[in-house]
Each structure stands twice: as structure tokens, then as C-alpha cells.
């Protein structure tokens, strides 16, 4: 039996600063920092490299200090995403004990 992934990270490259915090907390190592465009160097932005290996834990979204990552529920049309309860808030609650974040 395979686990069903609830959500995948969607990265807003306009808000992403390339700080790398999301990459650092990604246990399955499916996020990376990539240079935007065709240039060999320049500003980097976070990118989901392997959606199939993503566990959907939302630690990347919780850790992002710029709110550039939103968890998007799998199988839900983009127009309905806003009407759903925030997966990021659910993940934040599941990764805390009282007032102390679990990292």
C-alpha cells in the first residue's frame, strides 16, 4: 500500500529570495536552488525537482520566511485552492509541540 500525498509545494518565484531555508529542511531532498533563465549565474530561486519523491510534509512552506511556498492539494483544480483551509497552517500545527517548533 502506498501513502497518498495530500499536497505538493508550489513556489512563488516572485516572493522567493533564494535563501535556501526550504532546501535545508527538505528531508527527501526534492527541493533545490536554481538560477533563473538561461544564464550561468545570477539570482537563484527554489524549485521542486522531484514531485514523485515529495512526501507533502509542508516543512518547506512552514520554514519559508518570505511566505513564498504554498502547499497545493493534489487533485484539486487551481481555482478551488483558495477555498480550502490552508495546508500550511495544518502543517505548522502538526510540526509543533505547544509553542515550541519541532525541527
Protein backbone atom coordinates (compact mmCIF):
# COMPACT_ATOMS: atom_id res chain seq x y z
CA UNK A 1 0.00 0.00 0.00
CA UNK A 2 1.45 3.38 -0.95
CA UNK A 3 0.89 6.56 1.05
CA UNK A 4 -1.25 9.13 -0.72
CA UNK A 5 0.35 12.56 -0.84
CA UNK A 6 -2.05 15.30 0.26
CA UNK A 7 -0.23 18.30 -1.19
CA UNK A 8 2.84 19.48 -3.10
CA UNK A 9 4.79 22.72 -2.66
CA UNK A 10 4.03 25.49 -5.14
CA UNK A 11 6.81 28.09 -5.17
CA UNK A 12 6.08 31.72 -5.98
CA UNK A 13 9.33 32.80 -7.66
CA UNK A 14 8.35 36.46 -7.28
CA UNK A 15 8.43 36.08 -3.48
CA UNK A 16 11.31 33.58 -3.27
CA UNK A 17 14.66 35.20 -2.42
CA UNK A 18 16.77 32.07 -2.81
CA UNK A 19 17.69 31.98 0.88
CA UNK A 20 17.75 28.16 0.88
CA UNK A 21 15.88 27.53 4.14
CA UNK A 22 13.33 25.33 2.36
CA UNK A 23 16.10 23.28 0.77
CA UNK A 24 17.75 22.83 4.17
CA UNK A 25 14.63 21.38 5.84
CA UNK A 26 13.62 19.12 2.96
CA UNK A 27 14.27 15.59 4.27
CA UNK A 28 13.78 13.76 0.94
CA UNK A 29 15.97 16.37 -0.81
CA UNK A 30 13.50 17.15 -3.59
CA UNK A 31 13.99 20.95 -3.50
CA UNK A 32 16.97 22.80 -4.89
CA UNK A 33 18.11 26.33 -5.72
CA UNK A 34 18.30 27.04 -9.44
CA UNK A 35 19.46 30.08 -11.39
CA UNK A 36 16.53 31.69 -13.20
CA UNK A 37 16.62 31.72 -17.00
CA UNK A 38 19.44 30.64 -19.27
CA UNK A 39 22.27 32.50 -17.51
CA UNK A 40 25.10 30.54 -15.93
CA UNK A 41 24.95 32.72 -12.81
CA UNK A 42 22.56 35.15 -11.16
CA UNK A 43 19.76 35.14 -8.60
CA UNK A 44 18.58 31.71 -7.57
CA UNK A 45 15.08 30.56 -6.72
CA UNK A 46 13.80 27.41 -5.07
CA UNK A 47 12.46 24.65 -7.31
CA UNK A 48 10.72 21.32 -6.77
CA UNK A 49 12.92 18.83 -8.62
CA UNK A 50 11.15 15.54 -7.97
CA UNK A 51 7.43 15.74 -7.19
CA UNK A 52 7.13 11.94 -7.08
CA UNK A 53 9.52 11.72 -4.11
CA UNK A 54 7.98 14.68 -2.23
CA UNK A 55 6.28 13.48 0.97
CA UNK A 56 3.99 16.52 1.23
CA UNK A 57 5.14 17.20 4.80
CA UNK A 58 4.98 21.01 4.25
CA UNK A 59 8.10 21.73 6.31
CA UNK A 60 9.39 23.83 3.40
CA UNK A 61 6.27 26.03 3.48
CA UNK A 62 6.37 26.34 7.25
CA UNK A 63 10.07 27.29 7.25
CA UNK A 64 9.94 29.83 4.38
CA UNK A 65 10.37 33.28 5.98
CA UNK A 66 9.00 35.01 2.85
CA UNK A 67 5.76 33.01 2.51
CA UNK A 68 6.83 32.02 -1.00
CA UNK A 69 5.72 28.39 -0.73
CA UNK A 70 2.12 27.30 -0.60
CA UNK A 71 1.07 23.68 -0.34
CA UNK A 72 -1.33 22.78 -3.14
CA UNK A 73 -3.64 19.86 -2.55
CA UNK A 74 -3.17 17.12 -5.13
CA UNK A 75 -6.12 16.66 -7.46
CA UNK A 76 -7.81 19.98 -6.63
CA UNK A 77 -8.29 22.45 -9.50
CA UNK A 78 -6.27 25.69 -9.01
CA UNK A 79 -9.44 27.83 -8.87
CA UNK A 80 -10.63 25.98 -5.77
CA UNK A 81 -7.32 26.16 -3.85
CA UNK A 82 -8.24 29.42 -2.08
CA UNK A 83 -11.48 28.00 -0.72
CA UNK A 84 -9.70 25.22 1.16
CA UNK A 85 -8.27 25.52 4.66
CA UNK A 86 -4.57 26.34 4.49
CA UNK A 87 -2.43 23.21 4.38
CA UNK A 88 0.47 25.33 5.63
CA UNK A 89 -1.45 26.11 8.84
CA UNK A 90 -2.28 22.44 9.29
CA UNK A 91 1.37 21.51 8.81
CA UNK A 92 2.55 24.19 11.21
CA UNK A 93 0.30 22.74 13.89
CA UNK A 94 1.41 19.18 13.20
CA UNK A 95 5.10 20.15 13.46
CA UNK A 96 4.85 21.91 16.81
CA UNK A 97 4.57 20.89 20.42
CA UNK A 98 2.80 23.61 22.32
CA UNK A 99 4.68 26.82 21.49
CA UNK A 100 7.94 25.12 20.55
CA UNK A 101 8.51 24.25 16.87
CA UNK A 102 9.73 20.73 16.20
CA UNK A 103 12.69 20.93 13.79
